[in-house]
């Protein structure tokens, strides 16, 4: 079994931002040379998440609105009382979203459905962010 790792580096412009990273991940998979296996997409931040969803931007907007209703900013979280960043809502949104994902790799390509899109969700942004992409598998059949 072989492995290959690379990072996606982003600078988020907004405090809360959802970014399509599908093409970045596809390019890393191709550079890996691995044909059959799995791809781990793991952000190095506890107030962010990676998830798989439909490519329709209106669904992304709906998701952000849902999370804001479930976990409103400044709702008296204990973490905000002890941390100067006051970013408890970002951490909680990350937990609810699911921090990382593992996807199948078949014949050197991500094995995604027609509309499946990989999103990076940032809930405490406006700075540099790093996402680990690790491809694990076999380079020959």
C-alpha atoms as a PDB file:
ATOM      1  CA  UNK A   1       0.000   0.000   0.000  1.00  0.00           C
ATOM      2  CA  UNK A   2       1.186   3.477  -0.865  1.00  0.00           C
ATOM      3  CA  UNK A   3       0.281   6.914   0.387  1.00  0.00           C
ATOM      4  CA  UNK A   4       0.635  10.454  -0.900  1.00  0.00           C
ATOM      5  CA  UNK A   5      -0.123  13.670   0.936  1.00  0.00           C
ATOM      6  CA  UNK A   6      -0.511  17.241  -0.118  1.00  0.00           C
ATOM      7  CA  UNK A   7      -2.110  20.340   1.368  1.00  0.00           C
ATOM      8  CA  UNK A   8      -4.688  22.747   0.040  1.00  0.00           C
ATOM      9  CA  UNK A   9      -3.930  26.254   1.315  1.00  0.00           C
ATOM     10  CA  UNK A  10      -6.696  28.835   1.377  1.00  0.00           C
ATOM     11  CA  UNK A  11      -7.103  32.331   2.748  1.00  0.00           C
ATOM     12  CA  UNK A  12     -10.704  32.802   3.712  1.00  0.00           C
ATOM     13  CA  UNK A  13     -12.096  36.279   3.117  1.00  0.00           C
ATOM     14  CA  UNK A  14     -15.180  35.993   5.329  1.00  0.00           C
ATOM     15  CA  UNK A  15     -15.803  34.841   8.880  1.00  0.00           C
ATOM     16  CA  UNK A  16     -18.123  32.119   7.556  1.00  0.00           C
ATOM     17  CA  UNK A  17     -17.416  30.797   4.087  1.00  0.00           C
ATOM     18  CA  UNK A  18     -18.144  27.617   2.151  1.00  0.00           C
ATOM     19  CA  UNK A  19     -15.743  26.852  -0.702  1.00  0.00           C
ATOM     20  CA  UNK A  20     -15.929  24.208  -3.434  1.00  0.00           C
ATOM     21  CA  UNK A  21     -12.599  22.323  -3.264  1.00  0.00           C
ATOM     22  CA  UNK A  22     -13.532  19.459  -5.610  1.00  0.00           C
ATOM     23  CA  UNK A  23     -11.114  20.425  -8.379  1.00  0.00           C
ATOM     24  CA  UNK A  24      -8.217  20.836  -5.919  1.00  0.00           C
ATOM     25  CA  UNK A  25      -8.820  17.322  -4.567  1.00  0.00           C
ATOM     26  CA  UNK A  26      -9.134  15.818  -8.071  1.00  0.00           C
ATOM     27  CA  UNK A  27      -5.792  17.344  -9.103  1.00  0.00           C
ATOM     28  CA  UNK A  28      -4.066  16.014  -5.981  1.00  0.00           C
ATOM     29  CA  UNK A  29      -5.461  12.536  -6.666  1.00  0.00           C
ATOM     30  CA  UNK A  30      -4.028  12.626 -10.196  1.00  0.00           C
ATOM     31  CA  UNK A  31      -0.616  13.797  -8.972  1.00  0.00           C
ATOM     32  CA  UNK A  32      -0.555  10.974  -6.420  1.00  0.00           C
ATOM     33  CA  UNK A  33      -0.337   8.274  -9.090  1.00  0.00           C
ATOM     34  CA  UNK A  34      -2.534   6.048  -6.932  1.00  0.00           C
ATOM     35  CA  UNK A  35      -5.197   4.189  -8.920  1.00  0.00           C
ATOM     36  CA  UNK A  36      -7.315   2.323  -6.357  1.00  0.00           C
ATOM     37  CA  UNK A  37      -7.886   3.385  -2.775  1.00  0.00           C
ATOM     38  CA  UNK A  38      -9.258   6.159  -0.611  1.00  0.00           C
ATOM     39  CA  UNK A  39      -8.821   9.891  -0.160  1.00  0.00           C
ATOM     40  CA  UNK A  40      -8.893  11.500   3.285  1.00  0.00           C
ATOM     41  CA  UNK A  41      -9.742  15.212   3.312  1.00  0.00           C
ATOM     42  CA  UNK A  42      -8.915  16.594   6.764  1.00  0.00           C
ATOM     43  CA  UNK A  43      -8.827  20.295   7.704  1.00  0.00           C
ATOM     44  CA  UNK A  44      -6.203  21.308  10.269  1.00  0.00           C
ATOM     45  CA  UNK A  45      -8.640  23.556  12.133  1.00  0.00           C
ATOM     46  CA  UNK A  46     -11.295  22.833  14.765  1.00  0.00           C
ATOM     47  CA  UNK A  47     -13.708  25.495  13.537  1.00  0.00           C
ATOM     48  CA  UNK A  48     -13.961  24.131  10.012  1.00  0.00           C
ATOM     49  CA  UNK A  49     -15.307  21.057   8.256  1.00  0.00           C
ATOM     50  CA  UNK A  50     -15.331  19.198   4.964  1.00  0.00           C
ATOM     51  CA  UNK A  51     -18.519  17.700   3.614  1.00  0.00           C
ATOM     52  CA  UNK A  52     -20.039  16.246   0.451  1.00  0.00           C
ATOM     53  CA  UNK A  53     -23.233  17.719  -0.990  1.00  0.00           C
ATOM     54  CA  UNK A  54     -25.095  18.696  -4.130  1.00  0.00           C
ATOM     55  CA  UNK A  55     -23.492  21.337  -6.343  1.00  0.00           C
ATOM     56  CA  UNK A  56     -26.521  23.685  -6.217  1.00  0.00           C
ATOM     57  CA  UNK A  57     -25.448  27.000  -4.583  1.00  0.00           C
ATOM     58  CA  UNK A  58     -28.942  27.535  -3.137  1.00  0.00           C
ATOM     59  CA  UNK A  59     -28.460  24.378  -1.039  1.00  0.00           C
ATOM     60  CA  UNK A  60     -25.213  25.834   0.332  1.00  0.00           C
ATOM     61  CA  UNK A  61     -27.110  28.995   1.324  1.00  0.00           C
ATOM     62  CA  UNK A  62     -29.851  26.898   2.935  1.00  0.00           C
ATOM     63  CA  UNK A  63     -27.228  24.943   4.875  1.00  0.00           C
ATOM     64  CA  UNK A  64     -25.604  28.114   6.231  1.00  0.00           C
ATOM     65  CA  UNK A  65     -29.013  29.451   7.303  1.00  0.00           C
ATOM     66  CA  UNK A  66     -29.882  26.158   9.008  1.00  0.00           C
ATOM     67  CA  UNK A  67     -26.602  26.117  10.957  1.00  0.00           C
ATOM     68  CA  UNK A  68     -27.108  29.744  12.018  1.00  0.00           C
ATOM     69  CA  UNK A  69     -30.562  28.870  13.380  1.00  0.00           C
ATOM     70  CA  UNK A  70     -29.246  25.782  15.198  1.00  0.00           C
ATOM     71  CA  UNK A  71     -26.075  27.441  16.535  1.00  0.00           C
ATOM     72  CA  UNK A  72     -26.457  31.222  16.666  1.00  0.00           C
ATOM     73  CA  UNK A  73     -23.395  33.344  17.395  1.00  0.00           C
ATOM     74  CA  UNK A  74     -23.262  34.929  20.868  1.00  0.00           C
ATOM     75  CA  UNK A  75     -25.820  32.622  22.470  1.00  0.00           C
ATOM     76  CA  UNK A  76     -24.020  32.500  25.835  1.00  0.00           C
ATOM     77  CA  UNK A  77     -21.788  29.463  25.186  1.00  0.00           C
ATOM     78  CA  UNK A  78     -19.413  28.542  28.015  1.00  0.00           C
ATOM     79  CA  UNK A  79     -16.458  28.492  25.607  1.00  0.00           C
ATOM     80  CA  UNK A  80     -17.071  32.154  24.744  1.00  0.00           C
ATOM     81  CA  UNK A  81     -16.703  33.033  28.424  1.00  0.00           C
ATOM     82  CA  UNK A  82     -13.182  31.561  28.630  1.00  0.00           C
ATOM     83  CA  UNK A  83     -11.808  32.142  25.102  1.00  0.00           C
ATOM     84  CA  UNK A  84     -11.032  35.636  23.817  1.00  0.00           C
ATOM     85  CA  UNK A  85     -11.979  34.694  20.232  1.00  0.00           C
ATOM     86  CA  UNK A  86     -15.623  34.129  21.197  1.00  0.00           C
ATOM     87  CA  UNK A  87     -15.884  31.507  18.448  1.00  0.00           C
ATOM     88  CA  UNK A  88     -17.830  28.722  20.158  1.00  0.00           C
ATOM     89  CA  UNK A  89     -20.457  28.769  17.422  1.00  0.00           C
ATOM     90  CA  UNK A  90     -17.739  28.002  14.844  1.00  0.00           C
ATOM     91  CA  UNK A  91     -16.517  24.974  16.774  1.00  0.00           C
ATOM     92  CA  UNK A  92     -20.053  23.694  17.335  1.00  0.00           C
ATOM     93  CA  UNK A  93     -20.971  24.117  13.648  1.00  0.00           C
ATOM     94  CA  UNK A  94     -17.858  22.119  12.730  1.00  0.00           C
ATOM     95  CA  UNK A  95     -18.902  19.297  15.051  1.00  0.00           C
ATOM     96  CA  UNK A  96     -22.416  19.211  13.589  1.00  0.00           C
ATOM     97  CA  UNK A  97     -21.158  19.302  10.005  1.00  0.00           C
ATOM     98  CA  UNK A  98     -18.577  16.548  10.405  1.00  0.00           C
ATOM     99  CA  UNK A  99     -14.926  17.494  10.442  1.00  0.00           C
ATOM    100  CA  UNK A 100     -13.474  15.352   7.633  1.00  0.00           C
ATOM    101  CA  UNK A 101     -14.467  12.862   4.930  1.00  0.00           C
ATOM    102  CA  UNK A 102     -13.052   9.771   3.240  1.00  0.00           C
ATOM    103  CA  UNK A 103     -13.908   9.178  -0.426  1.00  0.00           C
ATOM    104  CA  UNK A 104     -13.300   6.258  -2.806  1.00  0.00           C
ATOM    105  CA  UNK A 105     -10.707   6.430  -5.581  1.00  0.00           C
ATOM    106  CA  UNK A 106     -11.268   4.182  -8.605  1.00  0.00           C
ATOM    107  CA  UNK A 107      -9.039   3.965 -11.675  1.00  0.00           C
ATOM    108  CA  UNK A 108      -7.177   7.082 -10.524  1.00  0.00           C
ATOM    109  CA  UNK A 109     -10.327   9.229 -10.262  1.00  0.00           C
ATOM    110  CA  UNK A 110     -12.526  10.315  -7.390  1.00  0.00           C
ATOM    111  CA  UNK A 111     -15.571   8.064  -7.415  1.00  0.00           C
ATOM    112  CA  UNK A 112     -18.214  10.802  -7.105  1.00  0.00           C
ATOM    113  CA  UNK A 113     -21.809  10.949  -8.272  1.00  0.00           C
ATOM    114  CA  UNK A 114     -22.862  13.402 -10.984  1.00  0.00           C
ATOM    115  CA  UNK A 115     -23.709  16.320  -8.679  1.00  0.00           C
ATOM    116  CA  UNK A 116     -21.560  15.452  -5.665  1.00  0.00           C
ATOM    117  CA  UNK A 117     -19.272  18.301  -4.678  1.00  0.00           C
ATOM    118  CA  UNK A 118     -16.617  18.529  -1.951  1.00  0.00           C
ATOM    119  CA  UNK A 119     -16.990  21.622   0.215  1.00  0.00           C
ATOM    120  CA  UNK A 120     -14.702  23.199   2.775  1.00  0.00           C
ATOM    121  CA  UNK A 121     -16.784  25.021   5.396  1.00  0.00           C
ATOM    122  CA  UNK A 122     -15.041  27.690   7.431  1.00  0.00           C
ATOM    123  CA  UNK A 123     -16.847  28.945  10.529  1.00  0.00           C
ATOM    124  CA  UNK A 124     -14.145  31.230  12.007  1.00  0.00           C
ATOM    125  CA  UNK A 125     -12.211  32.571   9.043  1.00  0.00           C
ATOM    126  CA  UNK A 126     -10.517  35.595   7.598  1.00  0.00           C
ATOM    127  CA  UNK A 127      -7.083  34.031   7.760  1.00  0.00           C
ATOM    128  CA  UNK A 128      -4.913  31.313   6.200  1.00  0.00           C
ATOM    129  CA  UNK A 129      -6.283  27.767   6.341  1.00  0.00           C
ATOM    130  CA  UNK A 130      -4.771  24.364   5.583  1.00  0.00           C
ATOM    131  CA  UNK A 131      -6.502  21.164   4.471  1.00  0.00           C
ATOM    132  CA  UNK A 132      -4.661  17.841   4.361  1.00  0.00           C
ATOM    133  CA  UNK A 133      -5.466  15.568   1.424  1.00  0.00           C
ATOM    134  CA  UNK A 134      -4.058  12.059   1.876  1.00  0.00           C
ATOM    135  CA  UNK A 135      -4.436   9.467  -0.875  1.00  0.00           C
ATOM    136  CA  UNK A 136      -3.980   5.858   0.218  1.00  0.00           C
ATOM    137  CA  UNK A 137      -4.020   2.800  -2.018  1.00  0.00           C
ATOM    138  CA  UNK A 138      -2.285   1.005  -4.873  1.00  0.00           C
ATOM    139  CA  UNK A 139      -0.727   2.557  -7.976  1.00  0.00           C
ATOM    140  CA  UNK A 140      -1.095  -0.569 -10.098  1.00  0.00           C
ATOM    141  CA  UNK A 141      -3.907  -3.044 -10.579  1.00  0.00           C
END
